[in-house]
Amino acid sequence: MILSVTAGGIAKALVTTSLGLLVAVPAVWAFNYFTSLLEALDLEMNNSLDAISTYLSGFQAMKRTR
């Protein structure tokens, strides 16, 4: 009697756990994928900002020498 009650609860817990993993694994994969995309975009934006800053610094120096 107790075994059948316990087995039902364990089965329910296993189903709930498997459904949770079914949701969690793709969610973690998507999070990591989009995080890496954002990090690459951040790096590209910082490199572009450095290039623009260097260009404007050179332009400002040329302006001062005239």
PDB file of N, CA and C in Angstrom:
ATOM      1  N   MET A   1       0.825  -1.192   0.000  1.00  0.00           N
ATOM      2  CA  MET A   1       0.000   0.000   0.000  1.00  0.00           C
ATOM      3  C   MET A   1       0.867   1.253   0.000  1.00  0.00           C
ATOM      4  N   ILE A   2       1.818   1.342   0.912  1.00  0.00           N
ATOM      5  CA  ILE A   2       2.668   2.529   0.986  1.00  0.00           C
ATOM      6  C   ILE A   2       3.534   2.628  -0.262  1.00  0.00           C
ATOM      7  N   LEU A   3       3.951   1.486  -0.794  1.00  0.00           N
ATOM      8  CA  LEU A   3       4.795   1.489  -1.986  1.00  0.00           C
ATOM      9  C   LEU A   3       4.058   2.091  -3.173  1.00  0.00           C
ATOM     10  N   SER A   4       2.791   1.797  -3.333  1.00  0.00           N
ATOM     11  CA  SER A   4       2.038   2.344  -4.468  1.00  0.00           C
ATOM     12  C   SER A   4       1.837   3.852  -4.324  1.00  0.00           C
ATOM     13  N   VAL A   5       1.649   4.338  -3.115  1.00  0.00           N
ATOM     14  CA  VAL A   5       1.504   5.777  -2.883  1.00  0.00           C
ATOM     15  C   VAL A   5       2.829   6.477  -3.153  1.00  0.00           C
ATOM     16  N   THR A   6       3.903   5.903  -2.665  1.00  0.00           N
ATOM     17  CA  THR A   6       5.230   6.482  -2.864  1.00  0.00           C
ATOM     18  C   THR A   6       5.626   6.441  -4.330  1.00  0.00           C
ATOM     19  N   ALA A   7       5.336   5.348  -5.013  1.00  0.00           N
ATOM     20  CA  ALA A   7       5.697   5.214  -6.425  1.00  0.00           C
ATOM     21  C   ALA A   7       4.981   6.263  -7.272  1.00  0.00           C
ATOM     22  N   GLY A   8       3.736   6.548  -6.933  1.00  0.00           N
ATOM     23  CA  GLY A   8       2.996   7.576  -7.669  1.00  0.00           C
ATOM     24  C   GLY A   8       3.622   8.948  -7.500  1.00  0.00           C
ATOM     25  N   GLY A   9       4.050   9.253  -6.287  1.00  0.00           N
ATOM     26  CA  GLY A   9       4.701  10.536  -6.026  1.00  0.00           C
ATOM     27  C   GLY A   9       6.045  10.645  -6.719  1.00  0.00           C
ATOM     28  N   ILE A  10       6.797   9.545  -6.711  1.00  0.00           N
ATOM     29  CA  ILE A  10       8.098   9.543  -7.385  1.00  0.00           C
ATOM     30  C   ILE A  10       7.915   9.683  -8.889  1.00  0.00           C
ATOM     31  N   ALA A  11       6.939   9.002  -9.436  1.00  0.00           N
ATOM     32  CA  ALA A  11       6.681   9.107 -10.874  1.00  0.00           C
ATOM     33  C   ALA A  11       6.307  10.541 -11.254  1.00  0.00           C
ATOM     34  N   LYS A  12       5.488  11.158 -10.439  1.00  0.00           N
ATOM     35  CA  LYS A  12       5.100  12.550 -10.698  1.00  0.00           C
ATOM     36  C   LYS A  12       6.318  13.468 -10.634  1.00  0.00           C
ATOM     37  N   ALA A  13       7.194  13.238  -9.659  1.00  0.00           N
ATOM     38  CA  ALA A  13       8.404  14.052  -9.530  1.00  0.00           C
ATOM     39  C   ALA A  13       9.328  13.846 -10.727  1.00  0.00           C
ATOM     40  N   LEU A  14       9.445  12.626 -11.210  1.00  0.00           N
ATOM     41  CA  LEU A  14      10.295  12.354 -12.375  1.00  0.00           C
ATOM     42  C   LEU A  14       9.749  13.023 -13.632  1.00  0.00           C
ATOM     43  N   VAL A  15       8.447  12.991 -13.807  1.00  0.00           N
ATOM     44  CA  VAL A  15       7.842  13.651 -14.965  1.00  0.00           C
ATOM     45  C   VAL A  15       8.059  15.155 -14.879  1.00  0.00           C
ATOM     46  N   THR A  16       7.850  15.716 -13.705  1.00  0.00           N
ATOM     47  CA  THR A  16       8.052  17.155 -13.517  1.00  0.00           C
ATOM     48  C   THR A  16       9.503  17.541 -13.772  1.00  0.00           C
ATOM     49  N   THR A  17      10.433  16.736 -13.285  1.00  0.00           N
ATOM     50  CA  THR A  17      11.858  17.009 -13.498  1.00  0.00           C
ATOM     51  C   THR A  17      12.218  16.936 -14.972  1.00  0.00           C
ATOM     52  N   SER A  18      11.710  15.932 -15.666  1.00  0.00           N
ATOM     53  CA  SER A  18      12.033  15.801 -17.093  1.00  0.00           C
ATOM     54  C   SER A  18      11.443  16.959 -17.897  1.00  0.00           C
ATOM     55  N   LEU A  19      10.247  17.396 -17.550  1.00  0.00           N
ATOM     56  CA  LEU A  19       9.666  18.551 -18.243  1.00  0.00           C
ATOM     57  C   LEU A  19      10.441  19.826 -17.929  1.00  0.00           C
ATOM     58  N   GLY A  20      10.899  19.951 -16.702  1.00  0.00           N
ATOM     59  CA  GLY A  20      11.718  21.104 -16.338  1.00  0.00           C
ATOM     60  C   GLY A  20      13.020  21.134 -17.117  1.00  0.00           C
ATOM     61  N   LEU A  21      13.662  19.986 -17.266  1.00  0.00           N
ATOM     62  CA  LEU A  21      14.893  19.909 -18.059  1.00  0.00           C
ATOM     63  C   LEU A  21      14.621  20.173 -19.530  1.00  0.00           C
ATOM     64  N   LEU A  22      13.482  19.732 -20.007  1.00  0.00           N
ATOM     65  CA  LEU A  22      13.112  19.964 -21.401  1.00  0.00           C
ATOM     66  C   LEU A  22      12.989  21.457 -21.686  1.00  0.00           C
ATOM     67  N   VAL A  23      12.573  22.221 -20.717  1.00  0.00           N
ATOM     68  CA  VAL A  23      12.473  23.675 -20.865  1.00  0.00           C
ATOM     69  C   VAL A  23      13.816  24.345 -20.568  1.00  0.00           C
ATOM     70  N   ALA A  24      14.507  23.892 -19.535  1.00  0.00           N
ATOM     71  CA  ALA A  24      15.718  24.575 -19.070  1.00  0.00           C
ATOM     72  C   ALA A  24      16.889  24.440 -20.028  1.00  0.00           C
ATOM     73  N   VAL A  25      17.098  23.278 -20.607  1.00  0.00           N
ATOM     74  CA  VAL A  25      18.271  23.072 -21.468  1.00  0.00           C
ATOM     75  C   VAL A  25      18.232  23.983 -22.693  1.00  0.00           C
ATOM     76  N   PRO A  26      17.139  24.044 -23.457  1.00  0.00           N
ATOM     77  CA  PRO A  26      17.118  24.994 -24.579  1.00  0.00           C
ATOM     78  C   PRO A  26      17.194  26.451 -24.124  1.00  0.00           C
ATOM     79  N   ALA A  27      16.633  26.756 -22.971  1.00  0.00           N
ATOM     80  CA  ALA A  27      16.693  28.135 -22.474  1.00  0.00           C
ATOM     81  C   ALA A  27      18.130  28.531 -22.152  1.00  0.00           C
ATOM     82  N   VAL A  28      18.885  27.649 -21.538  1.00  0.00           N
ATOM     83  CA  VAL A  28      20.292  27.934 -21.234  1.00  0.00           C
ATOM     84  C   VAL A  28      21.090  28.043 -22.527  1.00  0.00           C
ATOM     85  N   TRP A  29      20.821  27.163 -23.483  1.00  0.00           N
ATOM     86  CA  TRP A  29      21.515  27.236 -24.773  1.00  0.00           C
ATOM     87  C   TRP A  29      21.235  28.580 -25.449  1.00  0.00           C
ATOM     88  N   ALA A  30      19.982  28.995 -25.485  1.00  0.00           N
ATOM     89  CA  ALA A  30      19.620  30.267 -26.118  1.00  0.00           C
ATOM     90  C   ALA A  30      20.260  31.437 -25.377  1.00  0.00           C
ATOM     91  N   PHE A  31      20.266  31.397 -24.062  1.00  0.00           N
ATOM     92  CA  PHE A  31      20.892  32.461 -23.273  1.00  0.00           C
ATOM     93  C   PHE A  31      22.373  32.583 -23.612  1.00  0.00           C
ATOM     94  N   ASN A  32      23.071  31.453 -23.646  1.00  0.00           N
ATOM     95  CA  ASN A  32      24.502  31.477 -23.962  1.00  0.00           C
ATOM     96  C   ASN A  32      24.751  31.950 -25.387  1.00  0.00           C
ATOM     97  N   TYR A  33      23.908  31.530 -26.319  1.00  0.00           N
ATOM     98  CA  TYR A  33      24.062  31.934 -27.716  1.00  0.00           C
ATOM     99  C   TYR A  33      23.900  33.450 -27.857  1.00  0.00           C
ATOM    100  N   PHE A  34      22.841  33.991 -27.293  1.00  0.00           N
ATOM    101  CA  PHE A  34      22.595  35.428 -27.423  1.00  0.00           C
ATOM    102  C   PHE A  34      23.595  36.251 -26.609  1.00  0.00           C
ATOM    103  N   THR A  35      24.066  35.711 -25.495  1.00  0.00           N
ATOM    104  CA  THR A  35      25.103  36.401 -24.732  1.00  0.00           C
ATOM    105  C   THR A  35      26.379  36.513 -25.549  1.00  0.00           C
ATOM    106  N   SER A  36      26.747  35.448 -26.258  1.00  0.00           N
ATOM    107  CA  SER A  36      27.960  35.507 -27.081  1.00  0.00           C
ATOM    108  C   SER A  36      27.777  36.476 -28.244  1.00  0.00           C
ATOM    109  N   LEU A  37      26.579  36.547 -28.810  1.00  0.00           N
ATOM    110  CA  LEU A  37      26.326  37.524 -29.872  1.00  0.00           C
ATOM    111  C   LEU A  37      26.463  38.951 -29.347  1.00  0.00           C
ATOM    112  N   LEU A  38      25.922  39.201 -28.173  1.00  0.00           N
ATOM    113  CA  LEU A  38      26.014  40.542 -27.592  1.00  0.00           C
ATOM    114  C   LEU A  38      27.449  40.904 -27.222  1.00  0.00           C
ATOM    115  N   GLU A  39      28.219  39.935 -26.752  1.00  0.00           N
ATOM    116  CA  GLU A  39      29.623  40.207 -26.443  1.00  0.00           C
ATOM    117  C   GLU A  39      30.398  40.546 -27.712  1.00  0.00           C
ATOM    118  N   ALA A  40      30.118  39.840 -28.810  1.00  0.00           N
ATOM    119  CA  ALA A  40      30.783  40.141 -30.083  1.00  0.00           C
ATOM    120  C   ALA A  40      30.384  41.528 -30.577  1.00  0.00           C
ATOM    121  N   LEU A  41      29.119  41.875 -30.435  1.00  0.00           N
ATOM    122  CA  LEU A  41      28.652  43.201 -30.836  1.00  0.00           C
ATOM    123  C   LEU A  41      29.306  44.285 -29.983  1.00  0.00           C
ATOM    124  N   ASP A  42      29.430  44.039 -28.697  1.00  0.00           N
ATOM    125  CA  ASP A  42      30.080  44.989 -27.794  1.00  0.00           C
ATOM    126  C   ASP A  42      31.537  45.202 -28.200  1.00  0.00           C
ATOM    127  N   LEU A  43      32.234  44.133 -28.527  1.00  0.00           N
ATOM    128  CA  LEU A  43      33.626  44.240 -28.955  1.00  0.00           C
ATOM    129  C   LEU A  43      33.735  45.031 -30.253  1.00  0.00           C
ATOM    130  N   GLU A  44      32.850  44.746 -31.191  1.00  0.00           N
ATOM    131  CA  GLU A  44      32.862  45.464 -32.468  1.00  0.00           C
ATOM    132  C   GLU A  44      32.573  46.955 -32.268  1.00  0.00           C
ATOM    133  N   MET A  45      31.630  47.265 -31.400  1.00  0.00           N
ATOM    134  CA  MET A  45      31.308  48.671 -31.139  1.00  0.00           C
ATOM    135  C   MET A  45      32.476  49.384 -30.461  1.00  0.00           C
ATOM    136  N   ASN A  46      33.143  48.718 -29.528  1.00  0.00           N
ATOM    137  CA  ASN A  46      34.298  49.324 -28.868  1.00  0.00           C
ATOM    138  C   ASN A  46      35.436  49.555 -29.854  1.00  0.00           C
ATOM    139  N   ASN A  47      35.668  48.600 -30.757  1.00  0.00           N
ATOM    140  CA  ASN A  47      36.707  48.778 -31.770  1.00  0.00           C
ATOM    141  C   ASN A  47      36.364  49.934 -32.702  1.00  0.00           C
ATOM    142  N   SER A  48      35.110  50.046 -33.081  1.00  0.00           N
ATOM    143  CA  SER A  48      34.684  51.152 -33.942  1.00  0.00           C
ATOM    144  C   SER A  48      34.832  52.487 -33.225  1.00  0.00           C
ATOM    145  N   LEU A  49      34.479  52.516 -31.959  1.00  0.00           N
ATOM    146  CA  LEU A  49      34.622  53.741 -31.175  1.00  0.00           C
ATOM    147  C   LEU A  49      36.089  54.152 -31.067  1.00  0.00           C
ATOM    148  N   ASP A  50      36.967  53.179 -30.867  1.00  0.00           N
ATOM    149  CA  ASP A  50      38.399  53.483 -30.819  1.00  0.00           C
ATOM    150  C   ASP A  50      38.889  54.040 -32.151  1.00  0.00           C
ATOM    151  N   ALA A  51      38.427  53.453 -33.254  1.00  0.00           N
ATOM    152  CA  ALA A  51      38.842  53.926 -34.577  1.00  0.00           C
ATOM    153  C   ALA A  51      38.342  55.346 -34.827  1.00  0.00           C
ATOM    154  N   ILE A  52      37.104  55.614 -34.470  1.00  0.00           N
ATOM    155  CA  ILE A  52      36.546  56.961 -34.655  1.00  0.00           C
ATOM    156  C   ILE A  52      37.286  57.964 -33.776  1.00  0.00           C
ATOM    157  N   SER A  53      37.567  57.584 -32.548  1.00  0.00           N
ATOM    158  CA  SER A  53      38.286  58.465 -31.628  1.00  0.00           C
ATOM    159  C   SER A  53      39.689  58.769 -32.147  1.00  0.00           C
ATOM    160  N   THR A  54      40.366  57.756 -32.666  1.00  0.00           N
ATOM    161  CA  THR A  54      41.703  57.961 -33.232  1.00  0.00           C
ATOM    162  C   THR A  54      41.633  58.873 -34.442  1.00  0.00           C
ATOM    163  N   TYR A  55      40.660  58.649 -35.287  1.00  0.00           N
ATOM    164  CA  TYR A  55      40.491  59.483 -36.480  1.00  0.00           C
ATOM    165  C   TYR A  55      40.234  60.936 -36.087  1.00  0.00           C
ATOM    166  N   LEU A  56      39.324  61.145 -35.155  1.00  0.00           N
ATOM    167  CA  LEU A  56      39.003  62.510 -34.740  1.00  0.00           C
ATOM    168  C   LEU A  56      40.181  63.175 -34.029  1.00  0.00           C
ATOM    169  N   SER A  57      40.967  62.420 -33.297  1.00  0.00           N
ATOM    170  CA  SER A  57      42.154  62.984 -32.650  1.00  0.00           C
ATOM    171  C   SER A  57      43.151  63.460 -33.694  1.00  0.00           C
ATOM    172  N   GLY A  58      43.335  62.680 -34.752  1.00  0.00           N
ATOM    173  CA  GLY A  58      44.229  63.081 -35.835  1.00  0.00           C
ATOM    174  C   GLY A  58      43.693  64.290 -36.562  1.00  0.00           C
ATOM    175  N   PHE A  59      42.406  64.336 -36.774  1.00  0.00           N
ATOM    176  CA  PHE A  59      41.778  65.474 -37.440  1.00  0.00           C
ATOM    177  C   PHE A  59      41.946  66.729 -36.598  1.00  0.00           C
ATOM    178  N   GLN A  60      41.778  66.599 -35.300  1.00  0.00           N
ATOM    179  CA  GLN A  60      41.934  67.735 -34.387  1.00  0.00           C
ATOM    180  C   GLN A  60      43.387  68.214 -34.382  1.00  0.00           C
ATOM    181  N   ALA A  61      44.343  67.297 -34.437  1.00  0.00           N
ATOM    182  CA  ALA A  61      45.761  67.673 -34.462  1.00  0.00           C
ATOM    183  C   ALA A  61      46.093  68.403 -35.759  1.00  0.00           C
ATOM    184  N   MET A  62      45.536  67.958 -36.876  1.00  0.00           N
ATOM    185  CA  MET A  62      45.773  68.630 -38.160  1.00  0.00           C
ATOM    186  C   MET A  62      45.201  70.043 -38.121  1.00  0.00           C
ATOM    187  N   LYS A  63      44.067  70.204 -37.484  1.00  0.00           N
ATOM    188  CA  LYS A  63      43.412  71.500 -37.398  1.00  0.00           C
ATOM    189  C   LYS A  63      44.267  72.490 -36.593  1.00  0.00           C
ATOM    190  N   ARG A  64      44.928  72.005 -35.548  1.00  0.00           N
ATOM    191  CA  ARG A  64      45.755  72.859 -34.697  1.00  0.00           C
ATOM    192  C   ARG A  64      47.019  73.324 -35.413  1.00  0.00           C
ATOM    193  N   THR A  65      47.551  72.501 -36.326  1.00  0.00           N
ATOM    194  CA  THR A  65      48.808  72.857 -36.992  1.00  0.00           C
ATOM    195  C   THR A  65      48.604  73.863 -38.109  1.00  0.00           C
ATOM    196  N   ARG A  66      47.435  74.100 -38.544  1.00  0.00           N
ATOM    197  CA  ARG A  66      47.174  75.057 -39.637  1.00  0.00           C
ATOM    198  C   ARG A  66      47.251  76.465 -39.180  1.00  0.00           C
TER     199      ARG A  66
END
